[in-house]
Amino acid sequence: MGCITKHYLNEFSILGVWKIEEDLDTLMNLVVLDNDEKKKYKGFSSNSRKLEFLSVRALLSELIGKDTKIVYNKNNKPFLKDGSRFISISHSHKLTAILLSTNEKVGIDLEYMRTNIAAIAFKFLNRKEKVTKEYDDHKYHLYIHWCAKEALYKICDKEGISIQKNITIEPFMVKESGEIKGKVHTDRINESFDLYYSKYDNYAIVWTKKNYEKIE
């Protein structure tokens, strides 16, 4: 299917989502890999990981051009090689998402909503956070919390952040899509963030962006 959304958030930022329905050969024909990318691609043992890798580059090409290359730091955080934009990447099941901005740090996370998240909620929720008990909304509400915390973890780019202890999502009424607030508090960071969430089929997607100078 390819790119299913290409959304300009403002004049500086763009969000894209790719639905993986192609085979490896089809995706490979959509991208141009340099030697480093070819080496990384060949290192993947599973086809699913190869599909994710190629879908990221196909989506990036769709958003800002085939010449753009991704590099990674020691923590496997992605950057654009030319430094032209901040980037955040997420993929789950059959979807890949990329958030780009020329002047703000960004964080995005998407998750395919499986049924077992309630069993591990204690690992990422803290006592300040509230989740609805309504059966129809409970799972989605949990996934919004999870995705929001992952997005904030990415945007802060700090090692040693506990998504349970150091990241708190303020209570909110769950809807199909909306805006929520989150806070990251550690010895080095004390920042509040606006986050935006939505649902696509059985996926939860949350993203955030903020002027990087404000994140110490």
C-alpha atoms as a PDB file:
ATOM      1  CA  MET A   1       0.000   0.000   0.000  1.00  0.00           C
ATOM      2  CA  GLY A   2       2.837   2.382   0.787  1.00  0.00           C
ATOM      3  CA  CYS A   3       2.388   5.827   2.309  1.00  0.00           C
ATOM      4  CA  ILE A   4      -1.087   6.140   3.838  1.00  0.00           C
ATOM      5  CA  THR A   5      -0.646   9.581   5.354  1.00  0.00           C
ATOM      6  CA  LYS A   6       1.639  12.546   4.801  1.00  0.00           C
ATOM      7  CA  HIS A   7       0.582  15.219   7.254  1.00  0.00           C
ATOM      8  CA  TYR A   8       2.212  18.629   7.536  1.00  0.00           C
ATOM      9  CA  LEU A   9       1.848  19.626  11.194  1.00  0.00           C
ATOM     10  CA  ASN A  10       3.157  23.114  10.456  1.00  0.00           C
ATOM     11  CA  GLU A  11       5.694  24.713   8.117  1.00  0.00           C
ATOM     12  CA  PHE A  12       8.548  22.953   9.923  1.00  0.00           C
ATOM     13  CA  SER A  13       7.217  19.474  10.730  1.00  0.00           C
ATOM     14  CA  ILE A  14       5.847  16.491   8.797  1.00  0.00           C
ATOM     15  CA  LEU A  15       4.450  13.142   9.917  1.00  0.00           C
ATOM     16  CA  GLY A  16       4.199  10.141   7.614  1.00  0.00           C
ATOM     17  CA  VAL A  17       2.851   6.598   8.013  1.00  0.00           C
ATOM     18  CA  TRP A  18       3.566   3.649   5.716  1.00  0.00           C
ATOM     19  CA  LYS A  19       1.529   0.430   5.610  1.00  0.00           C
ATOM     20  CA  ILE A  20       3.757  -2.516   4.729  1.00  0.00           C
ATOM     21  CA  GLU A  21       2.001  -4.681   2.164  1.00  0.00           C
ATOM     22  CA  GLU A  22       4.897  -5.028  -0.283  1.00  0.00           C
ATOM     23  CA  ASP A  23       7.400  -7.867  -0.508  1.00  0.00           C
ATOM     24  CA  LEU A  24      11.140  -7.321  -0.094  1.00  0.00           C
ATOM     25  CA  ASP A  25      11.855  -6.995  -3.811  1.00  0.00           C
ATOM     26  CA  THR A  26       9.155  -4.361  -4.278  1.00  0.00           C
ATOM     27  CA  LEU A  27      10.390  -2.280  -1.371  1.00  0.00           C
ATOM     28  CA  MET A  28      14.010  -2.630  -2.448  1.00  0.00           C
ATOM     29  CA  ASN A  29      13.096  -1.121  -5.820  1.00  0.00           C
ATOM     30  CA  LEU A  30      11.706   1.948  -4.045  1.00  0.00           C
ATOM     31  CA  VAL A  31      14.925   2.861  -2.231  1.00  0.00           C
ATOM     32  CA  VAL A  32      18.586   3.562  -2.918  1.00  0.00           C
ATOM     33  CA  LEU A  33      20.857   2.060  -0.237  1.00  0.00           C
ATOM     34  CA  ASP A  34      24.442   3.134   0.303  1.00  0.00           C
ATOM     35  CA  ASN A  35      27.129   0.639   1.339  1.00  0.00           C
ATOM     36  CA  ASP A  36      26.541   1.108   5.077  1.00  0.00           C
ATOM     37  CA  GLU A  37      22.807   0.560   4.651  1.00  0.00           C
ATOM     38  CA  LYS A  38      23.377  -2.538   2.520  1.00  0.00           C
ATOM     39  CA  LYS A  39      25.638  -3.965   5.214  1.00  0.00           C
ATOM     40  CA  LYS A  40      23.072  -3.229   7.930  1.00  0.00           C
ATOM     41  CA  TYR A  41      20.286  -4.733   5.821  1.00  0.00           C
ATOM     42  CA  LYS A  42      22.199  -7.954   5.201  1.00  0.00           C
ATOM     43  CA  GLY A  43      22.773  -8.283   8.948  1.00  0.00           C
ATOM     44  CA  PHE A  44      19.095  -8.798   9.661  1.00  0.00           C
ATOM     45  CA  SER A  45      18.132 -12.451   9.951  1.00  0.00           C
ATOM     46  CA  SER A  46      14.346 -12.057   9.744  1.00  0.00           C
ATOM     47  CA  ASN A  47      12.326 -10.882   6.756  1.00  0.00           C
ATOM     48  CA  SER A  48      10.084  -8.830   9.044  1.00  0.00           C
ATOM     49  CA  ARG A  49      13.053  -6.789  10.242  1.00  0.00           C
ATOM     50  CA  LYS A  50      14.211  -6.306   6.658  1.00  0.00           C
ATOM     51  CA  LEU A  51      10.730  -5.113   5.676  1.00  0.00           C
ATOM     52  CA  GLU A  52      10.753  -2.600   8.530  1.00  0.00           C
ATOM     53  CA  PHE A  53      14.193  -1.332   7.522  1.00  0.00           C
ATOM     54  CA  LEU A  54      13.191  -0.844   3.888  1.00  0.00           C
ATOM     55  CA  SER A  55       9.803   0.683   4.743  1.00  0.00           C
ATOM     56  CA  VAL A  56      11.529   3.347   6.849  1.00  0.00           C
ATOM     57  CA  ARG A  57      13.703   4.348   3.904  1.00  0.00           C
ATOM     58  CA  ALA A  58      10.814   4.178   1.448  1.00  0.00           C
ATOM     59  CA  LEU A  59       8.721   6.431   3.674  1.00  0.00           C
ATOM     60  CA  LEU A  60      11.604   8.850   4.232  1.00  0.00           C
ATOM     61  CA  SER A  61      12.071   9.027   0.458  1.00  0.00           C
ATOM     62  CA  GLU A  62       8.369   9.770   0.053  1.00  0.00           C
ATOM     63  CA  LEU A  63       8.523  12.534   2.659  1.00  0.00           C
ATOM     64  CA  ILE A  64      11.730  14.393   1.777  1.00  0.00           C
ATOM     65  CA  GLY A  65      13.583  12.617  -1.050  1.00  0.00           C
ATOM     66  CA  LYS A  66      15.712   9.580  -1.880  1.00  0.00           C
ATOM     67  CA  ASP A  67      19.054  11.243  -1.172  1.00  0.00           C
ATOM     68  CA  THR A  68      18.328  11.538   2.557  1.00  0.00           C
ATOM     69  CA  LYS A  69      20.229   9.029   4.697  1.00  0.00           C
ATOM     70  CA  ILE A  70      19.751   7.846   8.275  1.00  0.00           C
ATOM     71  CA  VAL A  71      22.644   7.223  10.661  1.00  0.00           C
ATOM     72  CA  TYR A  72      22.584   5.980  14.258  1.00  0.00           C
ATOM     73  CA  ASN A  73      24.447   6.895  17.421  1.00  0.00           C
ATOM     74  CA  LYS A  74      25.832   4.413  19.968  1.00  0.00           C
ATOM     75  CA  ASN A  75      22.363   4.070  21.535  1.00  0.00           C
ATOM     76  CA  ASN A  76      20.821   3.282  18.133  1.00  0.00           C
ATOM     77  CA  LYS A  77      19.024   6.631  18.026  1.00  0.00           C
ATOM     78  CA  PRO A  78      18.429   7.738  14.416  1.00  0.00           C
ATOM     79  CA  PHE A  79      19.657  10.991  12.904  1.00  0.00           C
ATOM     80  CA  LEU A  80      19.637  12.376   9.397  1.00  0.00           C
ATOM     81  CA  LYS A  81      23.151  12.289   7.977  1.00  0.00           C
ATOM     82  CA  ASP A  82      22.914  15.820   6.599  1.00  0.00           C
ATOM     83  CA  GLY A  83      21.576  17.193   9.896  1.00  0.00           C
ATOM     84  CA  SER A  84      18.735  18.978   8.120  1.00  0.00           C
ATOM     85  CA  ARG A  85      15.968  17.745  10.426  1.00  0.00           C
ATOM     86  CA  PHE A  86      15.255  16.037  13.699  1.00  0.00           C
ATOM     87  CA  ILE A  87      13.759  12.583  13.197  1.00  0.00           C
ATOM     88  CA  SER A  88      11.874   9.995  15.219  1.00  0.00           C
ATOM     89  CA  ILE A  89      10.889   6.558  13.909  1.00  0.00           C
ATOM     90  CA  SER A  90       8.497   3.864  15.092  1.00  0.00           C
ATOM     91  CA  HIS A  91       7.213   0.624  13.626  1.00  0.00           C
ATOM     92  CA  SER A  92       4.859  -2.084  14.820  1.00  0.00           C
ATOM     93  CA  HIS A  93       3.312  -5.031  12.986  1.00  0.00           C
ATOM     94  CA  LYS A  94       2.503  -3.633   9.505  1.00  0.00           C
ATOM     95  CA  LEU A  95       2.922   0.111  10.110  1.00  0.00           C
ATOM     96  CA  THR A  96       5.964   2.388  10.026  1.00  0.00           C
ATOM     97  CA  ALA A  97       5.836   6.019  11.180  1.00  0.00           C
ATOM     98  CA  ILE A  98       8.314   8.887  10.831  1.00  0.00           C
ATOM     99  CA  LEU A  99       8.135  12.354  12.397  1.00  0.00           C
ATOM    100  CA  LEU A 100      10.460  15.071  11.071  1.00  0.00           C
ATOM    101  CA  SER A 101      11.061  18.682  12.045  1.00  0.00           C
ATOM    102  CA  THR A 102      13.589  21.311  11.009  1.00  0.00           C
ATOM    103  CA  ASN A 103      13.512  23.238  14.290  1.00  0.00           C
ATOM    104  CA  GLU A 104      12.086  21.023  17.050  1.00  0.00           C
ATOM    105  CA  LYS A 105      13.064  17.746  18.678  1.00  0.00           C
ATOM    106  CA  VAL A 106      10.472  15.065  18.024  1.00  0.00           C
ATOM    107  CA  GLY A 107       9.242  11.787  19.426  1.00  0.00           C
ATOM    108  CA  ILE A 108       6.733   9.319  17.994  1.00  0.00           C
ATOM    109  CA  ASP A 109       5.558   5.853  18.929  1.00  0.00           C
ATOM    110  CA  LEU A 110       2.969   3.531  17.445  1.00  0.00           C
ATOM    111  CA  GLU A 111       1.858   0.138  18.683  1.00  0.00           C
ATOM    112  CA  TYR A 112      -0.374  -2.605  17.348  1.00  0.00           C
ATOM    113  CA  MET A 113      -2.906  -3.090  20.147  1.00  0.00           C
ATOM    114  CA  ARG A 114      -2.696  -6.680  21.325  1.00  0.00           C
ATOM    115  CA  THR A 115      -4.850  -7.940  24.166  1.00  0.00           C
ATOM    116  CA  ASN A 116      -2.205  -8.611  26.823  1.00  0.00           C
ATOM    117  CA  ILE A 117      -1.062  -5.077  27.694  1.00  0.00           C
ATOM    118  CA  ALA A 118      -3.066  -5.024  30.944  1.00  0.00           C
ATOM    119  CA  ALA A 119      -0.857  -7.819  32.284  1.00  0.00           C
ATOM    120  CA  ILE A 120       2.248  -5.604  32.056  1.00  0.00           C
ATOM    121  CA  ALA A 121       0.674  -2.228  32.885  1.00  0.00           C
ATOM    122  CA  PHE A 122       2.349  -2.259  36.312  1.00  0.00           C
ATOM    123  CA  LYS A 123       5.695  -2.001  34.532  1.00  0.00           C
ATOM    124  CA  PHE A 124       4.980   1.409  32.988  1.00  0.00           C
ATOM    125  CA  LEU A 125       2.154   3.094  34.942  1.00  0.00           C
ATOM    126  CA  ASN A 126       2.726   4.988  38.170  1.00  0.00           C
ATOM    127  CA  ARG A 127       0.346   5.939  40.972  1.00  0.00           C
ATOM    128  CA  LYS A 128      -0.372   9.401  39.574  1.00  0.00           C
ATOM    129  CA  GLU A 129      -1.742   7.987  36.324  1.00  0.00           C
ATOM    130  CA  LYS A 130      -5.381   7.019  35.841  1.00  0.00           C
ATOM    131  CA  VAL A 131      -6.836   4.558  33.338  1.00  0.00           C
ATOM    132  CA  THR A 132     -10.542   4.128  32.616  1.00  0.00           C
ATOM    133  CA  LYS A 133     -12.288   0.991  33.798  1.00  0.00           C
ATOM    134  CA  GLU A 134     -14.702   1.103  30.859  1.00  0.00           C
ATOM    135  CA  TYR A 135     -14.172  -2.181  29.011  1.00  0.00           C
ATOM    136  CA  ASP A 136     -14.388  -0.745  25.489  1.00  0.00           C
ATOM    137  CA  ASP A 137     -11.779   1.955  26.166  1.00  0.00           C
ATOM    138  CA  HIS A 138      -9.473   0.304  28.710  1.00  0.00           C
ATOM    139  CA  LYS A 139      -6.989  -1.292  26.294  1.00  0.00           C
ATOM    140  CA  TYR A 140      -6.740   1.803  24.090  1.00  0.00           C
ATOM    141  CA  HIS A 141      -6.243   4.008  27.159  1.00  0.00           C
ATOM    142  CA  LEU A 142      -3.338   1.804  28.299  1.00  0.00           C
ATOM    143  CA  TYR A 143      -1.744   1.896  24.858  1.00  0.00           C
ATOM    144  CA  ILE A 144      -1.966   5.685  24.729  1.00  0.00           C
ATOM    145  CA  HIS A 145      -0.050   5.813  28.012  1.00  0.00           C
ATOM    146  CA  TRP A 146       2.549   3.366  26.728  1.00  0.00           C
ATOM    147  CA  CYS A 147       3.041   5.146  23.386  1.00  0.00           C
ATOM    148  CA  ALA A 148       3.143   8.571  25.049  1.00  0.00           C
ATOM    149  CA  LYS A 149       5.877   7.450  27.418  1.00  0.00           C
ATOM    150  CA  GLU A 150       7.892   5.937  24.586  1.00  0.00           C
ATOM    151  CA  ALA A 151       7.553   9.163  22.573  1.00  0.00           C
ATOM    152  CA  LEU A 152       8.768  11.219  25.549  1.00  0.00           C
ATOM    153  CA  TYR A 153      11.654   8.845  26.165  1.00  0.00           C
ATOM    154  CA  LYS A 154      12.734   9.336  22.556  1.00  0.00           C
ATOM    155  CA  ILE A 155      12.430  13.115  22.507  1.00  0.00           C
ATOM    156  CA  CYS A 156      14.499  13.513  25.687  1.00  0.00           C
ATOM    157  CA  ASP A 157      17.279  11.323  24.317  1.00  0.00           C
ATOM    158  CA  LYS A 158      18.592  10.560  27.785  1.00  0.00           C
ATOM    159  CA  GLU A 159      19.919   7.319  29.164  1.00  0.00           C
ATOM    160  CA  GLY A 160      18.650   6.136  32.518  1.00  0.00           C
ATOM    161  CA  ILE A 161      15.085   7.458  32.253  1.00  0.00           C
ATOM    162  CA  SER A 162      12.516   5.107  33.793  1.00  0.00           C
ATOM    163  CA  ILE A 163       9.256   5.258  31.864  1.00  0.00           C
ATOM    164  CA  GLN A 164       7.422   4.272  35.038  1.00  0.00           C
ATOM    165  CA  LYS A 165       9.140   6.478  37.615  1.00  0.00           C
ATOM    166  CA  ASN A 166      10.344   9.477  35.591  1.00  0.00           C
ATOM    167  CA  ILE A 167       7.548   9.945  33.048  1.00  0.00           C
ATOM    168  CA  THR A 168       3.988  10.803  34.050  1.00  0.00           C
ATOM    169  CA  ILE A 169       0.974  11.254  31.772  1.00  0.00           C
ATOM    170  CA  GLU A 170      -1.642  13.557  33.243  1.00  0.00           C
ATOM    171  CA  PRO A 171      -5.138  12.031  33.643  1.00  0.00           C
ATOM    172  CA  PHE A 172      -7.365  12.440  30.572  1.00  0.00           C
ATOM    173  CA  MET A 173     -10.648  11.226  29.141  1.00  0.00           C
ATOM    174  CA  VAL A 174      -9.906   8.836  26.304  1.00  0.00           C
ATOM    175  CA  LYS A 175     -11.355   9.676  22.877  1.00  0.00           C
ATOM    176  CA  GLU A 176     -10.676   8.486  19.344  1.00  0.00           C
ATOM    177  CA  SER A 177      -7.999  11.175  19.101  1.00  0.00           C
ATOM    178  CA  GLY A 178      -6.930  14.100  21.206  1.00  0.00           C
ATOM    179  CA  GLU A 179      -4.253  16.057  23.064  1.00  0.00           C
ATOM    180  CA  ILE A 180      -2.725  15.069  26.388  1.00  0.00           C
ATOM    181  CA  LYS A 181       0.042  16.340  28.633  1.00  0.00           C
ATOM    182  CA  GLY A 182       3.056  14.527  29.980  1.00  0.00           C
ATOM    183  CA  LYS A 183       5.951  15.356  32.259  1.00  0.00           C
ATOM    184  CA  VAL A 184       9.517  14.084  32.453  1.00  0.00           C
ATOM    185  CA  HIS A 185      11.178  14.566  35.828  1.00  0.00           C
ATOM    186  CA  THR A 186      14.698  13.396  36.672  1.00  0.00           C
ATOM    187  CA  ASP A 187      17.736  14.893  38.363  1.00  0.00           C
ATOM    188  CA  ARG A 188      18.585  16.578  35.039  1.00  0.00           C
ATOM    189  CA  ILE A 189      15.208  17.112  33.347  1.00  0.00           C
ATOM    190  CA  ASN A 190      12.032  18.810  34.533  1.00  0.00           C
ATOM    191  CA  GLU A 191       9.916  19.414  31.443  1.00  0.00           C
ATOM    192  CA  SER A 192       6.257  19.312  30.440  1.00  0.00           C
ATOM    193  CA  PHE A 193       5.136  18.288  26.953  1.00  0.00           C
ATOM    194  CA  ASP A 194       2.033  18.416  24.797  1.00  0.00           C
ATOM    195  CA  LEU A 195       1.324  15.096  23.081  1.00  0.00           C
ATOM    196  CA  TYR A 196      -1.182  14.131  20.420  1.00  0.00           C
ATOM    197  CA  TYR A 197      -2.751  10.701  20.013  1.00  0.00           C
ATOM    198  CA  SER A 198      -4.941   8.954  17.472  1.00  0.00           C
ATOM    199  CA  LYS A 199      -6.107   5.510  16.423  1.00  0.00           C
ATOM    200  CA  TYR A 200      -5.702   3.860  13.026  1.00  0.00           C
ATOM    201  CA  ASP A 201      -7.392   0.475  12.655  1.00  0.00           C
ATOM    202  CA  ASN A 202      -5.965  -1.474  15.613  1.00  0.00           C
ATOM    203  CA  TYR A 203      -2.994   0.827  16.177  1.00  0.00           C
ATOM    204  CA  ALA A 204      -2.381   3.566  18.734  1.00  0.00           C
ATOM    205  CA  ILE A 205      -0.137   6.441  17.627  1.00  0.00           C
ATOM    206  CA  VAL A 206       1.254   9.209  19.871  1.00  0.00           C
ATOM    207  CA  TRP A 207       3.658  11.993  18.934  1.00  0.00           C
ATOM    208  CA  THR A 208       5.199  15.093  20.462  1.00  0.00           C
ATOM    209  CA  LYS A 209       7.566  17.887  19.464  1.00  0.00           C
ATOM    210  CA  LYS A 210       9.269  20.712  21.298  1.00  0.00           C
ATOM    211  CA  ASN A 211      11.966  23.318  20.755  1.00  0.00           C
ATOM    212  CA  TYR A 212      15.175  21.439  21.514  1.00  0.00           C
ATOM    213  CA  GLU A 213      16.725  24.374  23.348  1.00  0.00           C
ATOM    214  CA  LYS A 214      14.135  23.916  26.079  1.00  0.00           C
ATOM    215  CA  ILE A 215      15.152  20.327  26.804  1.00  0.00           C
ATOM    216  CA  GLU A 216      18.218  20.454  29.017  1.00  0.00           C
END
